[in-house]
């Protein structure tokens, strides 16, 4: 598996999780 691809997926998941948390916080 491409490392950069895996890193991007991980980053996207973290951003999505943070965005979801921020929405619930508001």
PDB file of N, CA and C in Angstrom:
ATOM      1  N   UNK A   1       0.851  -1.202   0.000  1.00  0.00           N
ATOM      2  CA  UNK A   1       0.000   0.000   0.000  1.00  0.00           C
ATOM      3  C   UNK A   1       0.882   1.246   0.000  1.00  0.00           C
ATOM      4  N   UNK A   2       0.420   2.275  -0.664  1.00  0.00           N
ATOM      5  CA  UNK A   2       1.192   3.516  -0.728  1.00  0.00           C
ATOM      6  C   UNK A   2       1.116   4.226   0.613  1.00  0.00           C
ATOM      7  N   UNK A   3       2.272   4.575   1.157  1.00  0.00           N
ATOM      8  CA  UNK A   3       2.327   5.212   2.471  1.00  0.00           C
ATOM      9  C   UNK A   3       1.630   6.567   2.451  1.00  0.00           C
ATOM     10  N   UNK A   4       1.850   7.337   1.403  1.00  0.00           N
ATOM     11  CA  UNK A   4       1.232   8.671   1.315  1.00  0.00           C
ATOM     12  C   UNK A   4      -0.288   8.549   1.268  1.00  0.00           C
ATOM     13  N   UNK A   5      -0.767   7.501   0.596  1.00  0.00           N
ATOM     14  CA  UNK A   5      -2.210   7.288   0.513  1.00  0.00           C
ATOM     15  C   UNK A   5      -2.767   6.971   1.903  1.00  0.00           C
ATOM     16  N   UNK A   6      -2.051   6.106   2.615  1.00  0.00           N
ATOM     17  CA  UNK A   6      -2.484   5.729   3.956  1.00  0.00           C
ATOM     18  C   UNK A   6      -2.468   6.942   4.874  1.00  0.00           C
ATOM     19  N   UNK A   7      -1.447   7.768   4.743  1.00  0.00           N
ATOM     20  CA  UNK A   7      -1.332   8.969   5.572  1.00  0.00           C
ATOM     21  C   UNK A   7      -2.482   9.924   5.270  1.00  0.00           C
ATOM     22  N   UNK A   8      -2.830  10.041   3.992  1.00  0.00           N
ATOM     23  CA  UNK A   8      -3.921  10.937   3.600  1.00  0.00           C
ATOM     24  C   UNK A   8      -5.237  10.437   4.190  1.00  0.00           C
ATOM     25  N   UNK A   9      -5.464   9.141   4.124  1.00  0.00           N
ATOM     26  CA  UNK A   9      -6.693   8.577   4.663  1.00  0.00           C
ATOM     27  C   UNK A   9      -6.781   8.833   6.164  1.00  0.00           C
ATOM     28  N   UNK A  10      -5.659   8.661   6.850  1.00  0.00           N
ATOM     29  CA  UNK A  10      -5.627   8.877   8.295  1.00  0.00           C
ATOM     30  C   UNK A  10      -5.918  10.332   8.612  1.00  0.00           C
ATOM     31  N   UNK A  11      -5.307  11.236   7.847  1.00  0.00           N
ATOM     32  CA  UNK A  11      -5.506  12.673   8.067  1.00  0.00           C
ATOM     33  C   UNK A  11      -6.965  13.044   7.803  1.00  0.00           C
ATOM     34  N   UNK A  12      -7.533  12.477   6.732  1.00  0.00           N
ATOM     35  CA  UNK A  12      -8.933  12.781   6.393  1.00  0.00           C
ATOM     36  C   UNK A  12      -9.864  12.307   7.509  1.00  0.00           C
ATOM     37  N   UNK A  13      -9.557  11.135   8.068  1.00  0.00           N
ATOM     38  CA  UNK A  13     -10.401  10.608   9.147  1.00  0.00           C
ATOM     39  C   UNK A  13     -10.311  11.507  10.366  1.00  0.00           C
ATOM     40  N   UNK A  14      -9.096  11.979  10.669  1.00  0.00           N
ATOM     41  CA  UNK A  14      -8.917  12.850  11.833  1.00  0.00           C
ATOM     42  C   UNK A  14      -9.661  14.164  11.624  1.00  0.00           C
ATOM     43  N   UNK A  15      -9.544  14.727  10.424  1.00  0.00           N
ATOM     44  CA  UNK A  15     -10.215  15.994  10.117  1.00  0.00           C
ATOM     45  C   UNK A  15     -11.728  15.801  10.194  1.00  0.00           C
ATOM     46  N   UNK A  16     -12.207  14.705   9.650  1.00  0.00           N
ATOM     47  CA  UNK A  16     -13.644  14.435   9.674  1.00  0.00           C
ATOM     48  C   UNK A  16     -14.127  14.312  11.110  1.00  0.00           C
ATOM     49  N   UNK A  17     -13.335  13.623  11.940  1.00  0.00           N
ATOM     50  CA  UNK A  17     -13.709  13.427  13.339  1.00  0.00           C
ATOM     51  C   UNK A  17     -13.724  14.769  14.071  1.00  0.00           C
ATOM     52  N   UNK A  18     -12.708  15.599  13.806  1.00  0.00           N
ATOM     53  CA  UNK A  18     -12.637  16.909  14.451  1.00  0.00           C
ATOM     54  C   UNK A  18     -13.798  17.779  13.999  1.00  0.00           C
ATOM     55  N   UNK A  19     -14.124  17.719  12.723  1.00  0.00           N
ATOM     56  CA  UNK A  19     -15.228  18.529  12.192  1.00  0.00           C
ATOM     57  C   UNK A  19     -16.547  18.096  12.828  1.00  0.00           C
ATOM     58  N   UNK A  20     -16.725  16.803  12.954  1.00  0.00           N
ATOM     59  CA  UNK A  20     -17.958  16.277  13.553  1.00  0.00           C
ATOM     60  C   UNK A  20     -18.055  16.711  15.003  1.00  0.00           C
ATOM     61  N   UNK A  21     -16.930  16.636  15.728  1.00  0.00           N
ATOM     62  CA  UNK A  21     -16.908  17.034  17.140  1.00  0.00           C
ATOM     63  C   UNK A  21     -17.227  18.516  17.267  1.00  0.00           C
ATOM     64  N   UNK A  22     -16.671  19.322  16.372  1.00  0.00           N
ATOM     65  CA  UNK A  22     -16.901  20.769  16.407  1.00  0.00           C
ATOM     66  C   UNK A  22     -18.378  21.077  16.168  1.00  0.00           C
ATOM     67  N   UNK A  23     -18.990  20.357  15.247  1.00  0.00           N
ATOM     68  CA  UNK A  23     -20.407  20.592  14.948  1.00  0.00           C
ATOM     69  C   UNK A  23     -21.271  20.238  16.164  1.00  0.00           C
ATOM     70  N   UNK A  24     -20.938  19.130  16.819  1.00  0.00           N
ATOM     71  CA  UNK A  24     -21.705  18.718  17.992  1.00  0.00           C
ATOM     72  C   UNK A  24     -21.474  19.682  19.146  1.00  0.00           C
ATOM     73  N   UNK A  25     -20.270  20.247  19.220  1.00  0.00           N
ATOM     74  CA  UNK A  25     -19.947  21.193  20.293  1.00  0.00           C
ATOM     75  C   UNK A  25     -20.792  22.457  20.126  1.00  0.00           C
ATOM     76  N   UNK A  26     -21.014  22.837  18.870  1.00  0.00           N
ATOM     77  CA  UNK A  26     -21.834  24.024  18.617  1.00  0.00           C
ATOM     78  C   UNK A  26     -23.303  23.640  18.716  1.00  0.00           C
TER      79      UNK A  26
END
